[in-house]
Amino acid sequence: MTVRRVVPNLQSEAVQESREFYGLLGFEEVMNHGWIVTLASPSSPAAQISFMTRDETAPVVPDMSVEVDDVDAAYEAMRASGAEIIHPLQDEEWGVRRFFVRDPGGQVVNVLGHRGKP
């Protein structure tokens, strides 16, 4: 399994203000679904940060997202380890397959893969 990127997810009601603040550091908007906005560095596109008011289809806002090349294998590895699955593996309408798992320190991790990407 390969990790493609790791993105901190910050819960915020000040999404526009955060977008402007991080824009001063060179980040640009690459995704906006209303409830989540993701910014990335133009020179290093995998360097990203997301701001969320809520999660559209999950019970909690995850602390971070980890994109992997095989989300099904990641899910099976976490289940087999006995890790606490917070949100079941499912396909989301915006093109990702994902699940949430709690890490040993209590952080919620959104593990995802983009459908249709090699």
PDB file of N, CA and C in Angstrom:
ATOM      1  N   MET A   1       0.848  -1.173   0.000  1.00  0.00           N
ATOM      2  CA  MET A   1       0.000   0.000   0.000  1.00  0.00           C
ATOM      3  C   MET A   1       0.896   1.239   0.000  1.00  0.00           C
ATOM      4  N   THR A   2       0.497   2.245  -0.764  1.00  0.00           N
ATOM      5  CA  THR A   2       1.266   3.476  -0.875  1.00  0.00           C
ATOM      6  C   THR A   2       0.443   4.658  -0.371  1.00  0.00           C
ATOM      7  N   VAL A   3       1.055   5.502   0.428  1.00  0.00           N
ATOM      8  CA  VAL A   3       0.412   6.738   0.872  1.00  0.00           C
ATOM      9  C   VAL A   3       0.661   7.791  -0.196  1.00  0.00           C
ATOM     10  N   ARG A   4      -0.395   8.412  -0.667  1.00  0.00           N
ATOM     11  CA  ARG A   4      -0.275   9.435  -1.709  1.00  0.00           C
ATOM     12  C   ARG A   4      -0.154  10.839  -1.119  1.00  0.00           C
ATOM     13  N   ARG A   5      -0.871  11.093  -0.020  1.00  0.00           N
ATOM     14  CA  ARG A   5      -0.799  12.408   0.638  1.00  0.00           C
ATOM     15  C   ARG A   5      -1.449  12.315   2.008  1.00  0.00           C
ATOM     16  N   VAL A   6      -1.074  13.246   2.857  1.00  0.00           N
ATOM     17  CA  VAL A   6      -1.667  13.386   4.192  1.00  0.00           C
ATOM     18  C   VAL A   6      -2.107  14.833   4.312  1.00  0.00           C
ATOM     19  N   VAL A   7      -3.358  15.051   4.729  1.00  0.00           N
ATOM     20  CA  VAL A   7      -3.931  16.397   4.788  1.00  0.00           C
ATOM     21  C   VAL A   7      -4.535  16.637   6.167  1.00  0.00           C
ATOM     22  N   PRO A   8      -4.094  17.689   6.875  1.00  0.00           N
ATOM     23  CA  PRO A   8      -4.773  18.030   8.123  1.00  0.00           C
ATOM     24  C   PRO A   8      -6.157  18.592   7.814  1.00  0.00           C
ATOM     25  N   ASN A   9      -7.142  18.196   8.626  1.00  0.00           N
ATOM     26  CA  ASN A   9      -8.510  18.703   8.496  1.00  0.00           C
ATOM     27  C   ASN A   9      -8.812  19.542   9.728  1.00  0.00           C
ATOM     28  N   LEU A  10      -9.070  20.818   9.520  1.00  0.00           N
ATOM     29  CA  LEU A  10      -9.352  21.709  10.628  1.00  0.00           C
ATOM     30  C   LEU A  10     -10.828  22.071  10.626  1.00  0.00           C
ATOM     31  N   GLN A  11     -11.503  21.783  11.739  1.00  0.00           N
ATOM     32  CA  GLN A  11     -12.904  22.173  11.846  1.00  0.00           C
ATOM     33  C   GLN A  11     -12.949  23.667  12.115  1.00  0.00           C
ATOM     34  N   SER A  12     -13.738  24.389  11.310  1.00  0.00           N
ATOM     35  CA  SER A  12     -13.762  25.840  11.423  1.00  0.00           C
ATOM     36  C   SER A  12     -15.061  26.394  10.871  1.00  0.00           C
ATOM     37  N   GLU A  13     -15.586  27.391  11.531  1.00  0.00           N
ATOM     38  CA  GLU A  13     -16.711  28.153  10.996  1.00  0.00           C
ATOM     39  C   GLU A  13     -16.196  29.376  10.253  1.00  0.00           C
ATOM     40  N   ALA A  14     -14.878  29.603  10.278  1.00  0.00           N
ATOM     41  CA  ALA A  14     -14.251  30.759   9.628  1.00  0.00           C
ATOM     42  C   ALA A  14     -13.509  30.301   8.372  1.00  0.00           C
ATOM     43  N   VAL A  15     -14.202  29.569   7.509  1.00  0.00           N
ATOM     44  CA  VAL A  15     -13.563  28.983   6.334  1.00  0.00           C
ATOM     45  C   VAL A  15     -13.033  30.076   5.399  1.00  0.00           C
ATOM     46  N   GLN A  16     -13.832  31.085   5.112  1.00  0.00           N
ATOM     47  CA  GLN A  16     -13.392  32.149   4.211  1.00  0.00           C
ATOM     48  C   GLN A  16     -12.174  32.875   4.777  1.00  0.00           C
ATOM     49  N   GLU A  17     -12.208  33.182   6.054  1.00  0.00           N
ATOM     50  CA  GLU A  17     -11.086  33.868   6.688  1.00  0.00           C
ATOM     51  C   GLU A  17      -9.826  32.991   6.670  1.00  0.00           C
ATOM     52  N   SER A  18     -10.001  31.698   6.892  1.00  0.00           N
ATOM     53  CA  SER A  18      -8.867  30.772   6.845  1.00  0.00           C
ATOM     54  C   SER A  18      -8.311  30.676   5.435  1.00  0.00           C
ATOM     55  N   ARG A  19      -9.192  30.640   4.455  1.00  0.00           N
ATOM     56  CA  ARG A  19      -8.748  30.591   3.061  1.00  0.00           C
ATOM     57  C   ARG A  19      -7.899  31.813   2.728  1.00  0.00           C
ATOM     58  N   GLU A  20      -8.344  32.986   3.173  1.00  0.00           N
ATOM     59  CA  GLU A  20      -7.584  34.222   2.939  1.00  0.00           C
ATOM     60  C   GLU A  20      -6.248  34.204   3.694  1.00  0.00           C
ATOM     61  N   PHE A  21      -6.267  33.761   4.950  1.00  0.00           N
ATOM     62  CA  PHE A  21      -5.052  33.701   5.765  1.00  0.00           C
ATOM     63  C   PHE A  21      -4.003  32.811   5.110  1.00  0.00           C
ATOM     64  N   TYR A  22      -4.392  31.567   4.753  1.00  0.00           N
ATOM     65  CA  TYR A  22      -3.435  30.637   4.161  1.00  0.00           C
ATOM     66  C   TYR A  22      -3.073  31.036   2.730  1.00  0.00           C
ATOM     67  N   GLY A  23      -3.932  31.814   2.088  1.00  0.00           N
ATOM     68  CA  GLY A  23      -3.592  32.374   0.787  1.00  0.00           C
ATOM     69  C   GLY A  23      -2.384  33.290   0.871  1.00  0.00           C
ATOM     70  N   LEU A  24      -2.237  33.979   1.997  1.00  0.00           N
ATOM     71  CA  LEU A  24      -1.073  34.840   2.201  1.00  0.00           C
ATOM     72  C   LEU A  24       0.226  34.028   2.245  1.00  0.00           C
ATOM     73  N   LEU A  25       0.111  32.739   2.552  1.00  0.00           N
ATOM     74  CA  LEU A  25       1.283  31.861   2.582  1.00  0.00           C
ATOM     75  C   LEU A  25       1.485  31.141   1.247  1.00  0.00           C
ATOM     76  N   GLY A  26       0.641  31.447   0.266  1.00  0.00           N
ATOM     77  CA  GLY A  26       0.803  30.874  -1.058  1.00  0.00           C
ATOM     78  C   GLY A  26      -0.126  29.725  -1.397  1.00  0.00           C
ATOM     79  N   PHE A  27      -1.014  29.335  -0.485  1.00  0.00           N
ATOM     80  CA  PHE A  27      -1.961  28.260  -0.776  1.00  0.00           C
ATOM     81  C   PHE A  27      -3.072  28.772  -1.687  1.00  0.00           C
ATOM     82  N   GLU A  28      -3.553  27.891  -2.571  1.00  0.00           N
ATOM     83  CA  GLU A  28      -4.652  28.217  -3.474  1.00  0.00           C
ATOM     84  C   GLU A  28      -5.747  27.159  -3.348  1.00  0.00           C
ATOM     85  N   GLU A  29      -6.993  27.582  -3.529  1.00  0.00           N
ATOM     86  CA  GLU A  29      -8.119  26.667  -3.437  1.00  0.00           C
ATOM     87  C   GLU A  29      -8.082  25.653  -4.569  1.00  0.00           C
ATOM     88  N   VAL A  30      -8.204  24.365  -4.205  1.00  0.00           N
ATOM     89  CA  VAL A  30      -8.251  23.306  -5.204  1.00  0.00           C
ATOM     90  C   VAL A  30      -9.552  22.506  -5.150  1.00  0.00           C
ATOM     91  N   MET A  31     -10.323  22.680  -4.062  1.00  0.00           N
ATOM     92  CA  MET A  31     -11.608  22.000  -3.941  1.00  0.00           C
ATOM     93  C   MET A  31     -12.497  22.802  -3.004  1.00  0.00           C
ATOM     94  N   ASN A  32     -13.782  22.899  -3.358  1.00  0.00           N
ATOM     95  CA  ASN A  32     -14.739  23.592  -2.499  1.00  0.00           C
ATOM     96  C   ASN A  32     -16.104  22.944  -2.677  1.00  0.00           C
ATOM     97  N   HIS A  33     -16.533  22.217  -1.638  1.00  0.00           N
ATOM     98  CA  HIS A  33     -17.858  21.592  -1.644  1.00  0.00           C
ATOM     99  C   HIS A  33     -18.820  22.341  -0.722  1.00  0.00           C
ATOM    100  N   GLY A  34     -18.431  23.513  -0.276  1.00  0.00           N
ATOM    101  CA  GLY A  34     -19.267  24.274   0.642  1.00  0.00           C
ATOM    102  C   GLY A  34     -18.965  23.928   2.086  1.00  0.00           C
ATOM    103  N   TRP A  35     -19.075  22.668   2.446  1.00  0.00           N
ATOM    104  CA  TRP A  35     -18.814  22.220   3.815  1.00  0.00           C
ATOM    105  C   TRP A  35     -17.343  21.884   4.044  1.00  0.00           C
ATOM    106  N   ILE A  36     -16.589  21.716   2.941  1.00  0.00           N
ATOM    107  CA  ILE A  36     -15.146  21.485   3.024  1.00  0.00           C
ATOM    108  C   ILE A  36     -14.464  22.271   1.912  1.00  0.00           C
ATOM    109  N   VAL A  37     -13.367  22.926   2.272  1.00  0.00           N
ATOM    110  CA  VAL A  37     -12.538  23.660   1.318  1.00  0.00           C
ATOM    111  C   VAL A  37     -11.115  23.154   1.489  1.00  0.00           C
ATOM    112  N   THR A  38     -10.468  22.793   0.382  1.00  0.00           N
ATOM    113  CA  THR A  38      -9.087  22.327   0.431  1.00  0.00           C
ATOM    114  C   THR A  38      -8.210  23.299  -0.338  1.00  0.00           C
ATOM    115  N   LEU A  39      -7.088  23.645   0.281  1.00  0.00           N
ATOM    116  CA  LEU A  39      -6.094  24.520  -0.315  1.00  0.00           C
ATOM    117  C   LEU A  39      -4.826  23.711  -0.542  1.00  0.00           C
ATOM    118  N   ALA A  40      -4.073  24.083  -1.595  1.00  0.00           N
ATOM    119  CA  ALA A  40      -2.820  23.383  -1.901  1.00  0.00           C
ATOM    120  C   ALA A  40      -1.765  24.384  -2.337  1.00  0.00           C
ATOM    121  N   SER A  41      -0.536  23.960  -2.201  1.00  0.00           N
ATOM    122  CA  SER A  41       0.591  24.743  -2.697  1.00  0.00           C
ATOM    123  C   SER A  41       0.708  24.518  -4.203  1.00  0.00           C
ATOM    124  N   PRO A  42       0.728  25.577  -5.005  1.00  0.00           N
ATOM    125  CA  PRO A  42       0.871  25.396  -6.454  1.00  0.00           C
ATOM    126  C   PRO A  42       2.187  24.712  -6.833  1.00  0.00           C
ATOM    127  N   SER A  43       3.241  24.938  -6.077  1.00  0.00           N
ATOM    128  CA  SER A  43       4.541  24.359  -6.412  1.00  0.00           C
ATOM    129  C   SER A  43       4.710  22.942  -5.865  1.00  0.00           C
ATOM    130  N   SER A  44       3.876  22.555  -4.911  1.00  0.00           N
ATOM    131  CA  SER A  44       3.936  21.222  -4.325  1.00  0.00           C
ATOM    132  C   SER A  44       2.501  20.777  -4.039  1.00  0.00           C
ATOM    133  N   PRO A  45       1.764  20.340  -5.058  1.00  0.00           N
ATOM    134  CA  PRO A  45       0.327  20.090  -4.945  1.00  0.00           C
ATOM    135  C   PRO A  45      -0.114  19.119  -3.852  1.00  0.00           C
ATOM    136  N   ALA A  46       0.767  18.232  -3.389  1.00  0.00           N
ATOM    137  CA  ALA A  46       0.386  17.309  -2.317  1.00  0.00           C
ATOM    138  C   ALA A  46       0.437  17.981  -0.947  1.00  0.00           C
ATOM    139  N   ALA A  47       1.002  19.193  -0.868  1.00  0.00           N
ATOM    140  CA  ALA A  47       1.009  19.956   0.394  1.00  0.00           C
ATOM    141  C   ALA A  47      -0.344  20.667   0.483  1.00  0.00           C
ATOM    142  N   GLN A  48      -1.226  20.121   1.327  1.00  0.00           N
ATOM    143  CA  GLN A  48      -2.601  20.602   1.390  1.00  0.00           C
ATOM    144  C   GLN A  48      -3.068  20.783   2.822  1.00  0.00           C
ATOM    145  N   ILE A  49      -4.156  21.560   2.946  1.00  0.00           N
ATOM    146  CA  ILE A  49      -4.848  21.743   4.216  1.00  0.00           C
ATOM    147  C   ILE A  49      -6.331  21.887   3.897  1.00  0.00           C
ATOM    148  N   SER A  50      -7.180  21.281   4.724  1.00  0.00           N
ATOM    149  CA  SER A  50      -8.624  21.371   4.517  1.00  0.00           C
ATOM    150  C   SER A  50      -9.287  22.014   5.723  1.00  0.00           C
ATOM    151  N   PHE A  51     -10.343  22.776   5.452  1.00  0.00           N
ATOM    152  CA  PHE A  51     -11.168  23.404   6.484  1.00  0.00           C
ATOM    153  C   PHE A  51     -12.578  22.882   6.312  1.00  0.00           C
ATOM    154  N   MET A  52     -13.165  22.405   7.408  1.00  0.00           N
ATOM    155  CA  MET A  52     -14.488  21.798   7.350  1.00  0.00           C
ATOM    156  C   MET A  52     -15.402  22.416   8.396  1.00  0.00           C
ATOM    157  N   THR A  53     -16.621  22.729   7.983  1.00  0.00           N
ATOM    158  CA  THR A  53     -17.623  23.153   8.957  1.00  0.00           C
ATOM    159  C   THR A  53     -18.265  21.925   9.599  1.00  0.00           C
ATOM    160  N   ARG A  54     -18.346  20.847   8.822  1.00  0.00           N
ATOM    161  CA  ARG A  54     -18.907  19.564   9.255  1.00  0.00           C
ATOM    162  C   ARG A  54     -18.472  18.552   8.209  1.00  0.00           C
ATOM    163  N   ASP A  55     -18.786  17.292   8.409  1.00  0.00           N
ATOM    164  CA  ASP A  55     -18.585  16.310   7.356  1.00  0.00           C
ATOM    165  C   ASP A  55     -19.957  15.946   6.819  1.00  0.00           C
ATOM    166  N   GLU A  56     -20.113  16.016   5.529  1.00  0.00           N
ATOM    167  CA  GLU A  56     -21.418  15.837   4.882  1.00  0.00           C
ATOM    168  C   GLU A  56     -22.055  14.477   5.155  1.00  0.00           C
ATOM    169  N   THR A  57     -21.270  13.404   5.220  1.00  0.00           N
ATOM    170  CA  THR A  57     -21.867  12.070   5.341  1.00  0.00           C
ATOM    171  C   THR A  57     -21.330  11.250   6.509  1.00  0.00           C
ATOM    172  N   ALA A  58     -20.532  11.847   7.363  1.00  0.00           N
ATOM    173  CA  ALA A  58     -19.963  11.100   8.485  1.00  0.00           C
ATOM    174  C   ALA A  58     -20.338  11.773   9.800  1.00  0.00           C
ATOM    175  N   PRO A  59     -20.262  11.028  10.900  1.00  0.00           N
ATOM    176  CA  PRO A  59     -20.719  11.559  12.187  1.00  0.00           C
ATOM    177  C   PRO A  59     -19.780  12.579  12.832  1.00  0.00           C
ATOM    178  N   VAL A  60     -18.532  12.645  12.400  1.00  0.00           N
ATOM    179  CA  VAL A  60     -17.554  13.557  13.011  1.00  0.00           C
ATOM    180  C   VAL A  60     -16.678  14.167  11.930  1.00  0.00           C
ATOM    181  N   VAL A  61     -16.013  15.259  12.263  1.00  0.00           N
ATOM    182  CA  VAL A  61     -14.989  15.834  11.389  1.00  0.00           C
ATOM    183  C   VAL A  61     -13.685  15.117  11.711  1.00  0.00           C
ATOM    184  N   PRO A  62     -13.058  14.496  10.716  1.00  0.00           N
ATOM    185  CA  PRO A  62     -11.803  13.803  10.982  1.00  0.00           C
ATOM    186  C   PRO A  62     -10.679  14.795  11.258  1.00  0.00           C
ATOM    187  N   ASP A  63      -9.688  14.353  12.014  1.00  0.00           N
ATOM    188  CA  ASP A  63      -8.535  15.201  12.324  1.00  0.00           C
ATOM    189  C   ASP A  63      -7.569  15.281  11.159  1.00  0.00           C
ATOM    190  N   MET A  64      -7.519  14.236  10.356  1.00  0.00           N
ATOM    191  CA  MET A  64      -6.627  14.235   9.202  1.00  0.00           C
ATOM    192  C   MET A  64      -7.161  13.264   8.164  1.00  0.00           C
ATOM    193  N   SER A  65      -6.710  13.449   6.928  1.00  0.00           N
ATOM    194  CA  SER A  65      -7.042  12.529   5.845  1.00  0.00           C
ATOM    195  C   SER A  65      -5.751  11.921   5.326  1.00  0.00           C
ATOM    196  N   VAL A  66      -5.809  10.632   5.050  1.00  0.00           N
ATOM    197  CA  VAL A  66      -4.681   9.923   4.462  1.00  0.00           C
ATOM    198  C   VAL A  66      -5.193   9.267   3.183  1.00  0.00           C
ATOM    199  N   GLU A  67      -4.676   9.722   2.044  1.00  0.00           N
ATOM    200  CA  GLU A  67      -5.042   9.115   0.775  1.00  0.00           C
ATOM    201  C   GLU A  67      -4.073   7.982   0.475  1.00  0.00           C
ATOM    202  N   VAL A  68      -4.628   6.809   0.195  1.00  0.00           N
ATOM    203  CA  VAL A  68      -3.826   5.632  -0.120  1.00  0.00           C
ATOM    204  C   VAL A  68      -4.207   5.106  -1.500  1.00  0.00           C
ATOM    205  N   ASP A  69      -3.348   4.277  -2.058  1.00  0.00           N
ATOM    206  CA  ASP A  69      -3.638   3.729  -3.385  1.00  0.00           C
ATOM    207  C   ASP A  69      -4.602   2.553  -3.338  1.00  0.00           C
ATOM    208  N   ASP A  70      -4.806   1.940  -2.163  1.00  0.00           N
ATOM    209  CA  ASP A  70      -5.720   0.797  -2.039  1.00  0.00           C
ATOM    210  C   ASP A  70      -6.491   0.915  -0.728  1.00  0.00           C
ATOM    211  N   VAL A  71      -7.600   1.641  -0.772  1.00  0.00           N
ATOM    212  CA  VAL A  71      -8.381   1.896   0.445  1.00  0.00           C
ATOM    213  C   VAL A  71      -9.016   0.610   0.976  1.00  0.00           C
ATOM    214  N   ASP A  72      -9.351  -0.319   0.104  1.00  0.00           N
ATOM    215  CA  ASP A  72      -9.930  -1.584   0.571  1.00  0.00           C
ATOM    216  C   ASP A  72      -8.923  -2.385   1.386  1.00  0.00           C
ATOM    217  N   ALA A  73      -7.673  -2.401   0.935  1.00  0.00           N
ATOM    218  CA  ALA A  73      -6.627  -3.097   1.685  1.00  0.00           C
ATOM    219  C   ALA A  73      -6.382  -2.402   3.022  1.00  0.00           C
ATOM    220  N   ALA A  74      -6.414  -1.086   3.033  1.00  0.00           N
ATOM    221  CA  ALA A  74      -6.228  -0.342   4.284  1.00  0.00           C
ATOM    222  C   ALA A  74      -7.358  -0.661   5.260  1.00  0.00           C
ATOM    223  N   TYR A  75      -8.575  -0.710   4.751  1.00  0.00           N
ATOM    224  CA  TYR A  75      -9.736  -1.033   5.589  1.00  0.00           C
ATOM    225  C   TYR A  75      -9.596  -2.428   6.200  1.00  0.00           C
ATOM    226  N   GLU A  76      -9.231  -3.391   5.387  1.00  0.00           N
ATOM    227  CA  GLU A  76      -9.072  -4.759   5.891  1.00  0.00           C
ATOM    228  C   GLU A  76      -7.955  -4.841   6.922  1.00  0.00           C
ATOM    229  N   ALA A  77      -6.858  -4.115   6.705  1.00  0.00           N
ATOM    230  CA  ALA A  77      -5.755  -4.106   7.675  1.00  0.00           C
ATOM    231  C   ALA A  77      -6.210  -3.514   9.004  1.00  0.00           C
ATOM    232  N   MET A  78      -6.975  -2.437   8.960  1.00  0.00           N
ATOM    233  CA  MET A  78      -7.458  -1.810  10.195  1.00  0.00           C
ATOM    234  C   MET A  78      -8.465  -2.704  10.909  1.00  0.00           C
ATOM    235  N   ARG A  79      -9.371  -3.294  10.157  1.00  0.00           N
ATOM    236  CA  ARG A  79     -10.354  -4.212  10.777  1.00  0.00           C
ATOM    237  C   ARG A  79      -9.652  -5.389  11.429  1.00  0.00           C
ATOM    238  N   ALA A  80      -8.689  -5.972  10.721  1.00  0.00           N
ATOM    239  CA  ALA A  80      -7.968  -7.133  11.238  1.00  0.00           C
ATOM    240  C   ALA A  80      -7.177  -6.789  12.494  1.00  0.00           C
ATOM    241  N   SER A  81      -6.737  -5.540  12.601  1.00  0.00           N
ATOM    242  CA  SER A  81      -5.956  -5.124  13.772  1.00  0.00           C
ATOM    243  C   SER A  81      -6.833  -4.860  14.988  1.00  0.00           C
ATOM    244  N   GLY A  82      -8.150  -4.761  14.761  1.00  0.00           N
ATOM    245  CA  GLY A  82      -9.068  -4.456  15.857  1.00  0.00           C
ATOM    246  C   GLY A  82      -9.251  -2.962  16.080  1.00  0.00           C
ATOM    247  N   ALA A  83      -8.743  -2.123  15.183  1.00  0.00           N
ATOM    248  CA  ALA A  83      -8.900  -0.672  15.321  1.00  0.00           C
ATOM    249  C   ALA A  83     -10.378  -0.302  15.269  1.00  0.00           C
ATOM    250  N   GLU A  84     -10.721   0.778  15.949  1.00  0.00           N
ATOM    251  CA  GLU A  84     -12.109   1.235  16.009  1.00  0.00           C
ATOM    252  C   GLU A  84     -12.484   1.956  14.711  1.00  0.00           C
ATOM    253  N   ILE A  85     -13.402   1.371  13.958  1.00  0.00           N
ATOM    254  CA  ILE A  85     -13.907   1.995  12.734  1.00  0.00           C
ATOM    255  C   ILE A  85     -15.031   2.946  13.147  1.00  0.00           C
ATOM    256  N   ILE A  86     -14.869   4.228  12.833  1.00  0.00           N
ATOM    257  CA  ILE A  86     -15.838   5.263  13.220  1.00  0.00           C
ATOM    258  C   ILE A  86     -16.899   5.459  12.145  1.00  0.00           C
ATOM    259  N   HIS A  87     -16.501   5.292  10.882  1.00  0.00           N
ATOM    260  CA  HIS A  87     -17.387   5.493   9.731  1.00  0.00           C
ATOM    261  C   HIS A  87     -17.071   4.367   8.752  1.00  0.00           C
ATOM    262  N   PRO A  88     -18.067   3.616   8.320  1.00  0.00           N
ATOM    263  CA  PRO A  88     -17.805   2.430   7.499  1.00  0.00           C
ATOM    264  C   PRO A  88     -17.253   2.763   6.116  1.00  0.00           C
ATOM    265  N   LEU A  89     -16.602   1.807   5.524  1.00  0.00           N
ATOM    266  CA  LEU A  89     -16.093   1.935   4.162  1.00  0.00           C
ATOM    267  C   LEU A  89     -17.269   2.133   3.218  1.00  0.00           C
ATOM    268  N   GLN A  90     -17.204   3.202   2.433  1.00  0.00           N
ATOM    269  CA  GLN A  90     -18.278   3.455   1.467  1.00  0.00           C
ATOM    270  C   GLN A  90     -17.795   4.402   0.381  1.00  0.00           C
ATOM    271  N   ASP A  91     -18.512   4.367  -0.741  1.00  0.00           N
ATOM    272  CA  ASP A  91     -18.262   5.286  -1.842  1.00  0.00           C
ATOM    273  C   ASP A  91     -19.062   6.558  -1.597  1.00  0.00           C
ATOM    274  N   GLU A  92     -18.407   7.692  -1.774  1.00  0.00           N
ATOM    275  CA  GLU A  92     -19.063   8.982  -1.605  1.00  0.00           C
ATOM    276  C   GLU A  92     -19.366   9.571  -2.977  1.00  0.00           C
ATOM    277  N   GLU A  93     -20.394  10.384  -3.054  1.00  0.00           N
ATOM    278  CA  GLU A  93     -20.833  10.925  -4.344  1.00  0.00           C
ATOM    279  C   GLU A  93     -19.807  11.835  -4.998  1.00  0.00           C
ATOM    280  N   TRP A  94     -18.841  12.370  -4.246  1.00  0.00           N
ATOM    281  CA  TRP A  94     -17.849  13.275  -4.821  1.00  0.00           C
ATOM    282  C   TRP A  94     -16.597  12.549  -5.306  1.00  0.00           C
ATOM    283  N   GLY A  95     -16.685  11.213  -5.466  1.00  0.00           N
ATOM    284  CA  GLY A  95     -15.627  10.484  -6.147  1.00  0.00           C
ATOM    285  C   GLY A  95     -14.579   9.816  -5.285  1.00  0.00           C
ATOM    286  N   VAL A  96     -14.834   9.689  -3.987  1.00  0.00           N
ATOM    287  CA  VAL A  96     -13.869   8.991  -3.143  1.00  0.00           C
ATOM    288  C   VAL A  96     -14.520   7.772  -2.503  1.00  0.00           C
ATOM    289  N   ARG A  97     -13.693   6.828  -2.153  1.00  0.00           N
ATOM    290  CA  ARG A  97     -14.087   5.673  -1.333  1.00  0.00           C
ATOM    291  C   ARG A  97     -13.326   5.867  -0.037  1.00  0.00           C
ATOM    292  N   ARG A  98     -14.010   5.795   1.109  1.00  0.00           N
ATOM    293  CA  ARG A  98     -13.345   6.138   2.358  1.00  0.00           C
ATOM    294  C   ARG A  98     -13.968   5.455   3.563  1.00  0.00           C
ATOM    295  N   PHE A  99     -13.210   5.507   4.659  1.00  0.00           N
ATOM    296  CA  PHE A  99     -13.682   5.092   5.976  1.00  0.00           C
ATOM    297  C   PHE A  99     -12.932   5.926   7.008  1.00  0.00           C
ATOM    298  N   PHE A 100     -13.467   5.994   8.219  1.00  0.00           N
ATOM    299  CA  PHE A 100     -12.809   6.690   9.324  1.00  0.00           C
ATOM    300  C   PHE A 100     -12.406   5.653  10.360  1.00  0.00           C
ATOM    301  N   VAL A 101     -11.209   5.847  10.924  1.00  0.00           N
ATOM    302  CA  VAL A 101     -10.699   4.951  11.956  1.00  0.00           C
ATOM    303  C   VAL A 101     -10.064   5.805  13.053  1.00  0.00           C
ATOM    304  N   ARG A 102     -10.171   5.350  14.294  1.00  0.00           N
ATOM    305  CA  ARG A 102      -9.559   6.070  15.415  1.00  0.00           C
ATOM    306  C   ARG A 102      -8.160   5.529  15.655  1.00  0.00           C
ATOM    307  N   ASP A 103      -7.167   6.440  15.737  1.00  0.00           N
ATOM    308  CA  ASP A 103      -5.795   6.002  16.000  1.00  0.00           C
ATOM    309  C   ASP A 103      -5.607   5.780  17.503  1.00  0.00           C
ATOM    310  N   PRO A 104      -4.491   5.193  17.928  1.00  0.00           N
ATOM    311  CA  PRO A 104      -4.293   4.892  19.354  1.00  0.00           C
ATOM    312  C   PRO A 104      -4.341   6.111  20.269  1.00  0.00           C
ATOM    313  N   GLY A 105      -4.066   7.298  19.749  1.00  0.00           N
ATOM    314  CA  GLY A 105      -4.123   8.520  20.550  1.00  0.00           C
ATOM    315  C   GLY A 105      -5.493   9.184  20.572  1.00  0.00           C
ATOM    316  N   GLY A 106      -6.465   8.592  19.871  1.00  0.00           N
ATOM    317  CA  GLY A 106      -7.822   9.116  19.863  1.00  0.00           C
ATOM    318  C   GLY A 106      -8.164   9.993  18.666  1.00  0.00           C
ATOM    319  N   GLN A 107      -7.207  10.230  17.776  1.00  0.00           N
ATOM    320  CA  GLN A 107      -7.469  11.048  16.589  1.00  0.00           C
ATOM    321  C   GLN A 107      -8.273  10.249  15.565  1.00  0.00           C
ATOM    322  N   VAL A 108      -9.170  10.933  14.864  1.00  0.00           N
ATOM    323  CA  VAL A 108      -9.963  10.287  13.828  1.00  0.00           C
ATOM    324  C   VAL A 108      -9.298  10.535  12.477  1.00  0.00           C
ATOM    325  N   VAL A 109      -9.019   9.435  11.766  1.00  0.00           N
ATOM    326  CA  VAL A 109      -8.335   9.495  10.480  1.00  0.00           C
ATOM    327  C   VAL A 109      -9.310   9.080   9.376  1.00  0.00           C
ATOM    328  N   ASN A 110      -9.438   9.937   8.377  1.00  0.00           N
ATOM    329  CA  ASN A 110     -10.219   9.680   7.178  1.00  0.00           C
ATOM    330  C   ASN A 110      -9.270   9.013   6.181  1.00  0.00           C
ATOM    331  N   VAL A 111      -9.468   7.726   5.931  1.00  0.00           N
ATOM    332  CA  VAL A 111      -8.617   6.996   4.995  1.00  0.00           C
ATOM    333  C   VAL A 111      -9.403   6.893   3.689  1.00  0.00           C
ATOM    334  N   LEU A 112      -8.800   7.372   2.604  1.00  0.00           N
ATOM    335  CA  LEU A 112      -9.545   7.470   1.352  1.00  0.00           C
ATOM    336  C   LEU A 112      -8.722   7.127   0.136  1.00  0.00           C
ATOM    337  N   GLY A 113      -9.423   6.829  -0.911  1.00  0.00           N
ATOM    338  CA  GLY A 113      -8.852   6.656  -2.230  1.00  0.00           C
ATOM    339  C   GLY A 113      -9.804   7.270  -3.225  1.00  0.00           C
ATOM    340  N   HIS A 114      -9.261   7.850  -4.275  1.00  0.00           N
ATOM    341  CA  HIS A 114     -10.098   8.428  -5.329  1.00  0.00           C
ATOM    342  C   HIS A 114     -10.511   7.339  -6.288  1.00  0.00           C
ATOM    343  N   ARG A 115     -11.800   7.204  -6.522  1.00  0.00           N
ATOM    344  CA  ARG A 115     -12.294   6.202  -7.476  1.00  0.00           C
ATOM    345  C   ARG A 115     -11.903   6.604  -8.883  1.00  0.00           C
ATOM    346  N   GLY A 116     -11.486   5.610  -9.656  1.00  0.00           N
ATOM    347  CA  GLY A 116     -11.149   5.863 -11.043  1.00  0.00           C
ATOM    348  C   GLY A 116      -9.708   6.281 -11.263  1.00  0.00           C
ATOM    349  N   LYS A 117      -8.948   6.485 -10.167  1.00  0.00           N
ATOM    350  CA  LYS A 117      -7.525   6.815 -10.325  1.00  0.00           C
ATOM    351  C   LYS A 117      -6.724   5.532 -10.283  1.00  0.00           C
ATOM    352  N   PRO A 118      -5.699   5.452 -11.127  1.00  0.00           N
ATOM    353  CA  PRO A 118      -4.874   4.231 -11.117  1.00  0.00           C
ATOM    354  C   PRO A 118      -4.087   4.106  -9.846  1.00  0.00           C
TER     355      PRO A 118
END
